């Protein structure tokens, strides 16, 4: 057993608080600090979890030589710059999605990891959700056969969410649907084409000068015969929250349920027509984790009170992904290996969404992914 401990700080204590006890119970972690701009919120959370080191200043936290790595859970507009600052300060970085909001920030994060040798991981929940892990197991065992097509969606009603959310272009927050279609085969997007559809309310359009109710994107895989279809909506579309991922193989295909909480549907080829589909409840994959954090695949941090973060409840607990994300990041640091997705892979996933919106503004123009997001 590896007895090494990684000293980690969590930055942002809204959604970020969901991860505190997971890190505290991981056998190879010392959670030594937390950061939140509002001191009352910082003290309330730190007191609840008996954390002594607390920072209202992110810059001061980065000066703390005891901290090996930061896990960033701040608002979307801050992700890129805060990741860049952390890498420049010599810290490893785990960051909630998306990686950044501009191509330039993504490029700088990739450059810094290559220059410093530090680790960056985008903490995409769908890539470690039990449903994705089930499909990944089928794929790696050969039971899906040859992958022929992939599809994913992320639909969510963001009315009432604060700050930067109103009017956000749908594909600017697309990692929940782009991540799994690329992640199953560890593929790379070569180019995208996106169309906007419908129109949101005038008061929302003015925020980002983006009118689209839905953005739907085709992704061409690099060095592959595969393509994928992803679509997103955030406002003025009647739909229950849905993060979906579907894979179509020559032997088996797996489709996400239309209604939250229903089973997956697995289709098996060459059976009599009525027997082709089968409803499957996705198994849990806690067995892949250290014993100390296995319980967190089936419950959250705040299950018994009103503090549960809205993204956790709307997303049905993110498929039990949180302890898997923590373990993947910590394990990468312990072994000196690259996590999935690393900086370059995270940039490829994130830039798909950023460039898809540009494509939509230009009537579906094909736009290639930047070279810095591609492997050699």
Protein backbone atom coordinates (compact mmCIF):
# COMPACT_ATOMS: atom_id res chain seq x y z
CA UNK A 1 0.00 0.00 0.00
CA UNK A 2 1.24 3.48 -0.90
CA UNK A 3 1.52 5.49 2.32
CA UNK A 4 2.32 8.80 0.64
CA UNK A 5 -0.05 11.69 1.39
CA UNK A 6 -0.92 14.52 -0.99
CA UNK A 7 -1.68 17.88 0.63
CA UNK A 8 -4.76 19.30 -1.05
CA UNK A 9 -6.78 22.53 -0.75
CA UNK A 10 -10.35 22.97 -1.97
CA UNK A 11 -11.17 26.32 -3.56
CA UNK A 12 -14.86 27.29 -3.64
CA UNK A 13 -17.23 25.82 -1.07
CA UNK A 14 -20.59 25.70 -2.83
CA UNK A 15 -20.36 22.62 -5.01
CA UNK A 16 -16.83 22.19 -3.67
CA UNK A 17 -18.07 21.24 -0.21
CA UNK A 18 -19.43 18.00 -1.70
CA UNK A 19 -15.81 16.83 -1.97
CA UNK A 20 -14.53 17.72 1.50
CA UNK A 21 -15.26 14.46 3.36
CA UNK A 22 -14.19 12.39 0.36
CA UNK A 23 -10.73 13.95 0.48
CA UNK A 24 -10.70 13.73 4.28
CA UNK A 25 -11.33 9.98 4.15
CA UNK A 26 -9.05 9.17 1.20
CA UNK A 27 -6.09 7.20 2.58
CA UNK A 28 -3.53 9.17 0.57
CA UNK A 29 -4.76 12.72 1.19
CA UNK A 30 -4.31 15.43 3.77
CA UNK A 31 -7.02 18.03 3.17
CA UNK A 32 -5.18 20.89 4.78
CA UNK A 33 -7.00 24.03 3.61
CA UNK A 34 -10.20 25.46 2.16
CA UNK A 35 -10.85 28.76 0.43
CA UNK A 36 -13.98 30.89 0.01
CA UNK A 37 -14.25 34.62 -0.64
CA UNK A 38 -17.05 35.13 1.92
CA UNK A 39 -15.59 34.71 5.39
CA UNK A 40 -18.86 33.73 7.06
CA UNK A 41 -19.40 30.93 4.53
CA UNK A 42 -15.75 29.91 4.83
CA UNK A 43 -15.90 29.66 8.62
CA UNK A 44 -19.25 27.86 8.63
CA UNK A 45 -18.01 25.14 6.29
CA UNK A 46 -14.51 24.85 7.77
CA UNK A 47 -15.97 24.56 11.27
CA UNK A 48 -18.37 21.83 10.11
CA UNK A 49 -15.47 19.72 8.87
CA UNK A 50 -12.84 20.76 11.44
CA UNK A 51 -10.49 22.36 8.92
CA UNK A 52 -8.05 24.76 10.51
CA UNK A 53 -6.43 26.44 7.49
CA UNK A 54 -8.80 28.76 5.68
CA UNK A 55 -8.26 31.48 3.11
CA UNK A 56 -10.50 34.22 1.75
CA UNK A 57 -7.68 35.16 -0.64
CA UNK A 58 -6.86 32.69 -3.41
CA UNK A 59 -3.51 34.37 -3.98
CA UNK A 60 -2.53 33.87 -0.34
CA UNK A 61 -3.52 30.21 -0.54
CA UNK A 62 -1.21 29.72 -3.52
CA UNK A 63 1.69 31.09 -1.45
CA UNK A 64 1.23 28.28 1.09
CA UNK A 65 4.19 25.96 0.53
CA UNK A 66 2.47 23.07 2.31
CA UNK A 67 -0.17 22.75 -0.42
CA UNK A 68 0.69 20.32 -3.23
CA UNK A 69 -2.54 20.60 -5.24
CA UNK A 70 -5.73 22.63 -5.50
CA UNK A 71 -9.22 21.47 -6.45
CA UNK A 72 -11.03 24.45 -7.99
CA UNK A 73 -14.83 24.64 -7.72
CA UNK A 74 -15.41 28.34 -8.36
CA UNK A 75 -17.73 30.04 -10.92
CA UNK A 76 -17.09 29.16 -14.56
CA UNK A 77 -15.52 32.51 -15.56
CA UNK A 78 -12.77 32.00 -12.95
CA UNK A 79 -11.64 28.48 -13.93
CA UNK A 80 -9.09 29.37 -16.59
CA UNK A 81 -7.31 32.18 -14.77
CA UNK A 82 -7.29 30.39 -11.42
CA UNK A 83 -5.86 27.23 -12.99
CA UNK A 84 -3.16 29.28 -14.70
CA UNK A 85 -2.25 31.03 -11.44
CA UNK A 86 -2.06 27.71 -9.59
CA UNK A 87 0.21 26.12 -12.19
CA UNK A 88 2.47 29.19 -12.12
CA UNK A 89 2.59 28.82 -8.33
CA UNK A 90 3.78 25.22 -8.68
CA UNK A 91 0.52 23.52 -7.69
CA UNK A 92 -1.14 20.54 -9.36
CA UNK A 93 -4.69 21.37 -10.45
CA UNK A 94 -8.03 19.60 -10.45
CA UNK A 95 -10.76 21.87 -11.80
CA UNK A 96 -14.48 21.47 -12.19
CA UNK A 97 -15.91 21.94 -15.69
CA UNK A 98 -15.37 23.58 -18.04
CA UNK A 99 -11.60 23.97 -18.24
CA UNK A 100 -11.89 27.64 -19.29
CA UNK A 101 -14.06 30.02 -21.27
CA UNK A 102 -11.58 30.97 -24.01
CA UNK A 103 -9.30 29.14 -26.42
CA UNK A 104 -6.39 31.24 -25.16
CA UNK A 105 -6.84 30.16 -21.54
CA UNK A 106 -7.01 26.51 -22.56
CA UNK A 107 -3.80 26.91 -24.55
CA UNK A 108 -1.98 28.54 -21.65
CA UNK A 109 -2.97 25.75 -19.25
CA UNK A 110 -1.66 23.14 -21.70
CA UNK A 111 1.55 25.13 -22.19
CA UNK A 112 2.15 25.41 -18.45
CA UNK A 113 1.66 21.70 -17.80
CA UNK A 114 4.14 20.89 -20.56
CA UNK A 115 6.61 23.46 -19.26
CA UNK A 116 6.38 22.55 -15.57
CA UNK A 117 5.49 18.85 -15.60
CA UNK A 118 2.61 19.59 -13.21
CA UNK A 119 -0.64 17.66 -13.43
CA UNK A 120 -3.96 19.14 -14.57
CA UNK A 121 -7.27 17.24 -14.56
CA UNK A 122 -10.68 18.54 -15.57
CA UNK A 123 -13.17 16.95 -13.14
CA UNK A 124 -15.87 15.92 -15.62
CA UNK A 125 -18.51 14.02 -13.64
CA UNK A 126 -20.04 12.06 -16.53
CA UNK A 127 -16.70 10.41 -17.29
CA UNK A 128 -16.80 8.74 -13.87
CA UNK A 129 -20.56 8.21 -13.48
CA UNK A 130 -21.70 4.60 -12.98
CA UNK A 131 -23.58 4.60 -16.31
CA UNK A 132 -20.46 5.67 -18.21
CA UNK A 133 -18.29 3.18 -16.30
CA UNK A 134 -20.78 0.44 -17.23
CA UNK A 135 -20.56 1.34 -20.94
CA UNK A 136 -16.77 1.61 -20.65
CA UNK A 137 -16.65 -1.90 -19.18
CA UNK A 138 -18.76 -3.24 -22.08
CA UNK A 139 -16.52 -1.45 -24.58
CA UNK A 140 -13.22 -2.61 -23.09
CA UNK A 141 -14.45 -6.21 -22.83
CA UNK A 142 -15.42 -6.20 -26.53
CA UNK A 143 -19.11 -6.74 -25.81
CA UNK A 144 -20.16 -3.64 -27.75
CA UNK A 145 -18.28 -4.79 -30.82
CA UNK A 146 -17.14 -2.09 -33.23
CA UNK A 147 -18.27 1.36 -32.14
CA UNK A 148 -20.33 2.91 -34.95
CA UNK A 149 -21.76 6.14 -33.50
CA UNK A 150 -22.05 8.11 -30.26
CA UNK A 151 -24.62 10.61 -29.05
CA UNK A 152 -25.06 12.73 -25.92
CA UNK A 153 -27.12 15.58 -24.57
CA UNK A 154 -27.20 17.90 -21.58
CA UNK A 155 -30.46 19.73 -21.04
CA UNK A 156 -31.09 21.83 -17.97
CA UNK A 157 -33.38 24.70 -16.93
CA UNK A 158 -31.03 27.41 -15.69
CA UNK A 159 -33.67 30.03 -14.88
CA UNK A 160 -32.98 31.37 -11.40
CA UNK A 161 -29.29 30.49 -11.39
CA UNK A 162 -27.07 33.44 -10.38
CA UNK A 163 -24.43 35.68 -11.93
CA UNK A 164 -23.08 34.56 -15.31
CA UNK A 165 -25.68 31.86 -16.16
CA UNK A 166 -28.55 33.90 -17.69
CA UNK A 167 -28.26 33.75 -21.49
CA UNK A 168 -25.10 31.59 -21.51
CA UNK A 169 -24.66 30.03 -24.98
CA UNK A 170 -25.58 26.35 -24.60
CA UNK A 171 -22.37 24.92 -26.04
CA UNK A 172 -20.17 27.05 -23.79
CA UNK A 173 -20.92 24.52 -21.05
CA UNK A 174 -20.87 21.35 -23.12
CA UNK A 175 -18.36 19.11 -21.38
CA UNK A 176 -21.09 16.90 -19.85
CA UNK A 177 -22.07 15.75 -23.34
CA UNK A 178 -18.78 16.19 -25.23
CA UNK A 179 -16.73 14.44 -22.53
CA UNK A 180 -18.37 11.00 -22.75
CA UNK A 181 -18.52 10.77 -26.55
CA UNK A 182 -14.79 11.45 -26.76
CA UNK A 183 -13.91 9.70 -23.51
CA UNK A 184 -15.26 6.22 -24.26
CA UNK A 185 -12.62 5.52 -26.91
CA UNK A 186 -10.20 8.23 -25.68
CA UNK A 187 -10.78 9.86 -29.05
CA UNK A 188 -9.98 13.40 -30.15
CA UNK A 189 -12.23 15.86 -31.95
CA UNK A 190 -10.77 16.96 -35.28
CA UNK A 191 -13.46 19.44 -36.29
CA UNK A 192 -16.99 20.53 -35.40
CA UNK A 193 -20.09 21.90 -37.11
CA UNK A 194 -22.93 23.36 -35.05
CA UNK A 195 -26.38 24.81 -35.73
CA UNK A 196 -28.41 26.98 -33.40
CA UNK A 197 -32.14 26.41 -33.11
CA UNK A 198 -34.97 28.42 -31.61
CA UNK A 199 -34.80 31.71 -29.73
CA UNK A 200 -34.59 32.53 -26.03
CA UNK A 201 -36.15 35.60 -24.37
CA UNK A 202 -34.88 39.06 -25.28
CA UNK A 203 -33.69 39.79 -21.74
CA UNK A 204 -31.48 36.69 -21.92
CA UNK A 205 -30.15 37.26 -25.44
CA UNK A 206 -28.53 40.59 -24.51
CA UNK A 207 -26.23 39.02 -21.91
CA UNK A 208 -24.03 37.17 -24.44
CA UNK A 209 -25.59 38.30 -27.73
CA UNK A 210 -26.61 34.66 -28.22
CA UNK A 211 -30.22 33.90 -29.28
CA UNK A 212 -30.18 30.10 -29.46
CA UNK A 213 -32.46 27.95 -27.31
CA UNK A 214 -30.67 24.80 -28.49
CA UNK A 215 -27.26 24.23 -30.05
CA UNK A 216 -26.65 20.91 -31.79
CA UNK A 217 -23.16 19.86 -32.83
CA UNK A 218 -21.58 17.17 -34.97
CA UNK A 219 -18.07 16.14 -34.01
CA UNK A 220 -15.68 14.45 -36.43
CA UNK A 221 -13.14 12.24 -34.67
CA UNK A 222 -9.47 12.53 -35.59
CA UNK A 223 -7.81 9.47 -37.18
CA UNK A 224 -11.11 7.58 -36.97
CA UNK A 225 -14.23 6.77 -38.97
CA UNK A 226 -16.36 7.90 -36.01
CA UNK A 227 -18.54 10.95 -35.58
CA UNK A 228 -20.77 12.01 -32.70
CA UNK A 229 -23.83 14.18 -32.19
CA UNK A 230 -24.30 16.31 -29.06
CA UNK A 231 -26.91 18.91 -28.15
CA UNK A 232 -27.50 21.37 -25.32
CA UNK A 233 -30.27 23.60 -23.98
CA UNK A 234 -30.33 25.94 -21.00
CA UNK A 235 -33.37 28.21 -21.29
CA UNK A 236 -36.93 28.19 -22.64
CA UNK A 237 -36.97 24.48 -23.49
CA UNK A 238 -39.41 22.19 -21.64
CA UNK A 239 -37.25 19.29 -20.48
CA UNK A 240 -36.40 17.54 -17.23
CA UNK A 241 -32.70 17.70 -16.36
CA UNK A 242 -30.88 15.16 -18.50
CA UNK A 243 -27.23 14.31 -18.94
CA UNK A 244 -27.40 11.51 -21.46
CA UNK A 245 -24.87 9.36 -23.28
CA UNK A 246 -25.57 6.70 -25.88
CA UNK A 247 -23.24 4.35 -27.73
CA UNK A 248 -24.09 2.28 -30.79
CA UNK A 249 -21.94 -0.78 -31.46
CA UNK A 250 -22.06 -3.67 -33.90
CA UNK A 251 -22.87 -6.18 -31.13
CA UNK A 252 -24.60 -4.09 -28.49
CA UNK A 253 -25.87 -0.55 -28.11
CA UNK A 254 -26.72 1.28 -24.89
CA UNK A 255 -29.25 4.12 -24.64
CA UNK A 256 -29.83 6.50 -21.77
CA UNK A 257 -33.37 6.58 -20.33
CA UNK A 258 -35.66 9.41 -21.37
CA UNK A 259 -36.81 9.93 -17.77
CA UNK A 260 -34.43 10.36 -14.84
CA UNK A 261 -34.20 7.27 -12.66
CA UNK A 262 -35.31 4.76 -15.28
CA UNK A 263 -32.99 1.91 -16.38
CA UNK A 264 -30.61 2.00 -19.31
CA UNK A 265 -31.77 0.18 -22.44
CA UNK A 266 -29.29 -2.32 -23.90
CA UNK A 267 -29.93 -3.54 -27.45
CA UNK A 268 -28.29 -6.82 -28.55
CA UNK A 269 -27.93 -7.62 -32.25
CA UNK A 270 -29.25 -10.77 -33.98
CA UNK A 271 -31.85 -11.55 -31.35
CA UNK A 272 -35.51 -11.96 -32.35
CA UNK A 273 -36.94 -8.44 -32.76
CA UNK A 274 -38.98 -8.33 -29.51
CA UNK A 275 -35.96 -9.53 -27.51
CA UNK A 276 -33.44 -7.01 -28.83
CA UNK A 277 -33.96 -4.39 -26.08
CA UNK A 278 -33.40 -5.10 -22.40
CA UNK A 279 -33.69 -2.72 -19.46
CA UNK A 280 -30.55 -2.74 -17.30
CA UNK A 281 -30.01 -0.98 -14.00
CA UNK A 282 -26.43 0.19 -14.13
CA UNK A 283 -24.28 -1.45 -11.45
CA UNK A 284 -22.32 0.63 -9.00
CA UNK A 285 -18.53 0.68 -9.34
CA UNK A 286 -17.49 1.40 -5.76
CA UNK A 287 -15.31 -1.70 -6.01
CA UNK A 288 -12.79 0.37 -7.99
CA UNK A 289 -12.19 2.67 -5.02
CA UNK A 290 -10.36 2.47 -1.69
CA UNK A 291 -12.64 1.09 1.03
CA UNK A 292 -12.59 4.39 2.90
CA UNK A 293 -14.47 6.30 0.16
CA UNK A 294 -16.63 3.60 -1.43
CA UNK A 295 -19.80 4.76 0.35
CA UNK A 296 -19.73 8.11 -1.45
CA UNK A 297 -20.84 6.54 -4.75
CA UNK A 298 -24.36 6.19 -3.35
CA UNK A 299 -24.79 9.28 -1.17
CA UNK A 300 -23.70 12.88 -1.08
CA UNK A 301 -22.18 14.99 1.63
CA UNK A 302 -25.33 16.85 2.62
CA UNK A 303 -28.03 14.21 2.14
CA UNK A 304 -29.72 15.04 5.42
CA UNK A 305 -30.02 18.82 5.25
CA UNK A 306 -30.80 21.71 2.93
CA UNK A 307 -27.17 22.48 2.04
CA UNK A 308 -27.00 20.04 -0.88
CA UNK A 309 -25.78 21.95 -3.91
CA UNK A 310 -28.38 22.39 -6.66
CA UNK A 311 -26.07 20.93 -9.32
CA UNK A 312 -25.87 17.73 -7.26
CA UNK A 313 -29.62 17.36 -6.75
CA UNK A 314 -30.55 18.31 -10.33
CA UNK A 315 -27.92 15.93 -11.64
CA UNK A 316 -29.14 13.01 -9.51
CA UNK A 317 -25.91 12.84 -7.58
CA UNK A 318 -23.77 12.91 -10.73
CA UNK A 319 -23.91 9.13 -11.01
CA UNK A 320 -21.74 8.49 -7.97
CA UNK A 321 -18.80 10.07 -9.77
CA UNK A 322 -17.35 12.28 -7.03
CA UNK A 323 -15.19 9.71 -5.21
CA UNK A 324 -14.00 8.32 -8.56
CA UNK A 325 -12.89 11.80 -9.62
CA UNK A 326 -11.02 12.32 -6.36
CA UNK A 327 -9.33 8.94 -6.59
CA UNK A 328 -8.35 9.39 -10.26
CA UNK A 329 -6.69 12.73 -9.48
CA UNK A 330 -4.93 11.52 -6.32
CA UNK A 331 -3.83 8.29 -7.99
CA UNK A 332 -2.30 10.22 -10.88
CA UNK A 333 -0.28 12.33 -8.44
CA UNK A 334 0.83 9.29 -6.45
CA UNK A 335 1.98 7.37 -9.52
CA UNK A 336 3.27 10.32 -11.55
CA UNK A 337 0.90 9.33 -14.36
CA UNK A 338 -1.46 11.31 -16.54
CA UNK A 339 -5.11 11.34 -15.40
CA UNK A 340 -8.05 11.29 -17.80
CA UNK A 341 -8.73 13.88 -18.95
CA UNK A 342 -5.33 15.55 -18.71
CA UNK A 343 -4.70 19.14 -19.83
CA UNK A 344 -4.54 18.45 -23.57
CA UNK A 345 -7.56 16.13 -23.49
CA UNK A 346 -9.49 18.63 -21.35
CA UNK A 347 -8.67 21.35 -23.85
CA UNK A 348 -9.93 19.23 -26.75
CA UNK A 349 -13.20 18.56 -24.91
CA UNK A 350 -13.69 22.17 -23.79
CA UNK A 351 -12.72 23.77 -27.10
CA UNK A 352 -15.30 21.65 -28.92
CA UNK A 353 -18.00 23.63 -27.10
CA UNK A 354 -16.36 27.04 -27.51
CA UNK A 355 -15.79 26.50 -31.24
CA UNK A 356 -19.22 24.92 -31.75
CA UNK A 357 -20.86 28.16 -30.66
CA UNK A 358 -18.67 30.06 -33.15
CA UNK A 359 -19.79 27.59 -35.82
CA UNK A 360 -23.45 28.20 -34.97
CA UNK A 361 -22.95 31.95 -35.35
CA UNK A 362 -21.61 31.24 -38.84
CA UNK A 363 -24.38 28.97 -40.04
CA UNK A 364 -22.73 25.64 -39.23
CA UNK A 365 -19.26 26.44 -40.58
CA UNK A 366 -16.77 23.60 -40.08
CA UNK A 367 -14.13 24.66 -37.53
CA UNK A 368 -11.03 22.61 -36.78
CA UNK A 369 -9.74 22.06 -33.26
CA UNK A 370 -6.45 23.85 -32.49
CA UNK A 371 -3.26 21.80 -32.75
CA UNK A 372 -2.43 22.31 -29.07
CA UNK A 373 -5.48 20.16 -28.17
CA UNK A 374 -4.27 17.21 -30.26
CA UNK A 375 -1.80 14.45 -29.45
CA UNK A 376 1.29 14.11 -31.59
